[in-house]
Amino acid sequence: MTTVSTTTTTIANAAFLQEVKESNSQLWVLLKDLRELNFADETLENSKQFVTKLGELRDSIALEFSLEETYGFIDGVPTSSGLGLVDAGKAKLQHRELYLQLHETCEEVEAAQYRGTIGRDLAIYFGAFEQFDDSLRAHEDFEAELIRNGLGSRVADF
């Protein structure tokens, strides 16, 4: 009796992944707004705006990642299928890491706002946002590559 051992992988459902990304304009607007905030001016208004937008970003990211994982990836594809596709499971792991990174920053920012120290430490919290943003950009580049590979050579930039 011969047994065949087949391992499975996760692949990108490129068309759906691209569609999910294109349909969440709120996420991209929030990111743009946060990137453009003036943090040299540590006013109370800037602090409130940062805390509010960061919380909205956390919610929007949670929705985006949930939709991407539901519609943008196919789990359990046999690696022996000969498709030669990149394992997209890395993107799903990045979703968890990114969400936790953003969630922790939001918790710290909200606690600082409650304590009344947000203005004093705004530059520190903005630095944490910039680290998250850099990680998110790298993640988006990886997913854009998955989409390009899945669709052939069509460009997908977000």
Protein backbone atom coordinates (compact mmCIF):
# COMPACT_ATOMS: atom_id res chain seq x y z
CA MET A 1 0.00 0.00 0.00
CA THR A 2 1.44 3.34 -1.07
CA THR A 3 0.56 6.52 0.73
CA VAL A 4 1.04 9.90 -0.83
CA SER A 5 1.90 12.71 1.49
CA THR A 6 0.60 16.00 0.19
CA THR A 7 1.25 19.27 1.95
CA THR A 8 -1.01 22.23 1.49
CA THR A 9 -0.41 25.92 1.14
CA THR A 10 -2.34 29.18 1.05
CA ILE A 11 -2.60 31.07 -2.22
CA ALA A 12 -3.92 34.50 -3.08
CA ASN A 13 -7.27 34.74 -4.78
CA ALA A 14 -5.81 37.68 -6.68
CA ALA A 15 -8.92 39.17 -8.29
CA PHE A 16 -10.88 39.17 -5.04
CA LEU A 17 -7.92 40.41 -3.00
CA GLN A 18 -7.49 43.33 -5.37
CA GLU A 19 -11.23 44.07 -5.31
CA VAL A 20 -11.31 44.11 -1.50
CA LYS A 21 -8.39 46.55 -1.43
CA GLU A 22 -9.96 48.84 -4.00
CA SER A 23 -13.32 48.93 -2.22
CA ASN A 24 -12.07 50.13 1.19
CA SER A 25 -11.47 53.79 0.42
CA GLN A 26 -12.01 54.75 4.07
CA LEU A 27 -8.84 52.88 5.07
CA TRP A 28 -6.68 54.62 2.49
CA VAL A 29 -8.13 58.06 3.37
CA LEU A 30 -7.45 57.49 7.09
CA LEU A 31 -3.87 56.49 6.37
CA LYS A 32 -3.39 59.58 4.21
CA ASP A 33 -4.87 61.82 6.91
CA LEU A 34 -2.65 60.34 9.62
CA ARG A 35 0.45 60.66 7.46
CA GLU A 36 -0.32 64.32 6.86
CA LEU A 37 -0.96 65.36 10.47
CA ASN A 38 1.46 68.05 11.71
CA PHE A 39 3.15 66.62 14.77
CA ALA A 40 5.60 69.47 15.21
CA ASP A 41 2.64 71.34 16.70
CA GLU A 42 1.70 69.46 19.88
CA THR A 43 -1.68 71.14 20.36
CA LEU A 44 -4.61 69.57 22.15
CA GLU A 45 -6.56 69.58 18.87
CA ASN A 46 -3.79 67.66 17.11
CA SER A 47 -3.73 65.16 19.97
CA LYS A 48 -7.48 64.59 19.84
CA GLN A 49 -7.41 64.24 16.08
CA PHE A 50 -4.57 61.71 16.28
CA VAL A 51 -6.32 59.56 18.91
CA THR A 52 -9.61 59.62 17.01
CA LYS A 53 -8.09 58.80 13.62
CA LEU A 54 -5.86 56.09 15.05
CA GLY A 55 -8.90 54.40 16.62
CA GLU A 56 -10.78 54.64 13.33
CA LEU A 57 -7.76 53.17 11.55
CA ARG A 58 -7.70 50.21 13.95
CA ASP A 59 -11.37 49.47 13.16
CA SER A 60 -10.86 49.93 9.43
CA ILE A 61 -7.77 47.68 9.42
CA ALA A 62 -9.69 44.98 11.30
CA LEU A 63 -12.42 45.07 8.66
CA GLU A 64 -9.92 45.11 5.79
CA PHE A 65 -7.95 42.15 7.08
CA SER A 66 -11.11 40.19 7.80
CA LEU A 67 -12.41 40.72 4.27
CA GLU A 68 -9.02 39.95 2.74
CA GLU A 69 -8.77 36.69 4.66
CA THR A 70 -12.33 35.70 3.79
CA TYR A 71 -12.25 36.50 0.08
CA GLY A 72 -8.61 37.09 -0.85
CA PHE A 73 -6.97 33.82 0.12
CA ILE A 74 -7.56 30.14 -0.54
CA ASP A 75 -6.27 27.75 2.12
CA GLY A 76 -5.50 24.09 1.67
CA VAL A 77 -4.22 24.11 -1.90
CA PRO A 78 -2.03 21.03 -2.43
CA THR A 79 1.58 22.03 -3.09
CA SER A 80 1.77 19.22 -5.59
CA SER A 81 -0.73 21.05 -7.80
CA GLY A 82 2.11 22.39 -9.92
CA LEU A 83 0.85 25.95 -9.81
CA GLY A 84 4.19 27.31 -8.60
CA LEU A 85 2.55 30.05 -6.58
CA VAL A 86 4.06 31.80 -3.58
CA ASP A 87 2.72 30.71 -0.17
CA ALA A 88 0.41 33.57 0.77
CA GLY A 89 0.10 32.33 4.35
CA LYS A 90 2.79 34.88 5.24
CA ALA A 91 0.35 37.69 4.45
CA LYS A 92 -2.21 36.27 6.86
CA LEU A 93 0.41 36.08 9.61
CA GLN A 94 1.36 39.68 8.88
CA HIS A 95 -2.29 40.67 9.33
CA ARG A 96 -2.22 39.43 12.91
CA GLU A 97 1.12 41.08 13.69
CA LEU A 98 0.07 44.40 12.15
CA TYR A 99 -3.28 44.46 13.91
CA LEU A 100 -1.68 43.73 17.28
CA GLN A 101 0.95 46.42 16.70
CA LEU A 102 -1.73 49.00 15.89
CA HIS A 103 -4.00 47.85 18.71
CA GLU A 104 -1.22 48.21 21.29
CA THR A 105 -0.41 51.71 20.05
CA CYS A 106 -4.09 52.67 20.22
CA GLU A 107 -4.34 51.40 23.79
CA GLU A 108 -1.28 53.42 24.81
CA VAL A 109 -2.56 56.56 23.08
CA GLU A 110 -6.03 56.26 24.58
CA ALA A 111 -4.56 55.74 28.07
CA ALA A 112 -2.30 58.79 27.62
CA GLN A 113 -5.27 60.86 26.51
CA TYR A 114 -7.19 59.75 29.60
CA ARG A 115 -4.21 60.61 31.85
CA GLY A 116 -3.77 63.97 30.13
CA THR A 117 -0.20 63.24 28.98
CA ILE A 118 -0.94 62.76 25.29
CA GLY A 119 0.33 66.20 24.23
CA ARG A 120 3.63 65.71 26.03
CA ASP A 121 4.26 62.31 24.43
CA LEU A 122 2.66 62.88 21.03
CA ALA A 123 5.98 62.62 19.17
CA ILE A 124 6.62 59.19 20.75
CA TYR A 125 3.18 57.93 19.73
CA PHE A 126 3.54 59.32 16.25
CA GLY A 127 6.86 57.44 16.01
CA ALA A 128 4.98 54.25 16.91
CA PHE A 129 2.46 55.04 14.16
CA GLU A 130 5.31 55.58 11.68
CA GLN A 131 6.77 52.17 12.57
CA PHE A 132 3.35 50.61 12.00
CA ASP A 133 2.98 52.52 8.74
CA ASP A 134 6.36 51.27 7.48
CA SER A 135 5.37 47.68 8.33
CA LEU A 136 1.99 48.15 6.63
CA ARG A 137 3.63 49.51 3.48
CA ALA A 138 5.94 46.48 3.32
CA HIS A 139 2.92 44.22 3.80
CA GLU A 140 0.99 45.99 1.05
CA ASP A 141 3.99 45.60 -1.27
CA PHE A 142 4.01 41.85 -0.56
CA GLU A 143 0.27 41.55 -1.24
CA ALA A 144 0.62 43.63 -4.43
CA GLU A 145 3.24 41.12 -5.56
CA LEU A 146 0.86 38.25 -4.76
CA ILE A 147 -1.82 39.96 -6.84
CA ARG A 148 0.57 40.58 -9.74
CA ASN A 149 1.65 36.93 -9.67
CA GLY A 150 -1.96 35.76 -9.50
CA LEU A 151 -3.17 37.96 -12.33
CA GLY A 152 -0.17 37.50 -14.55
CA SER A 153 1.79 40.69 -14.95
CA ARG A 154 -0.94 43.26 -14.33
CA VAL A 155 0.11 45.94 -11.88
CA ALA A 156 -1.61 46.25 -8.50
CA ASP A 157 -0.52 49.19 -6.37
CA PHE A 158 -2.32 50.45 -3.28
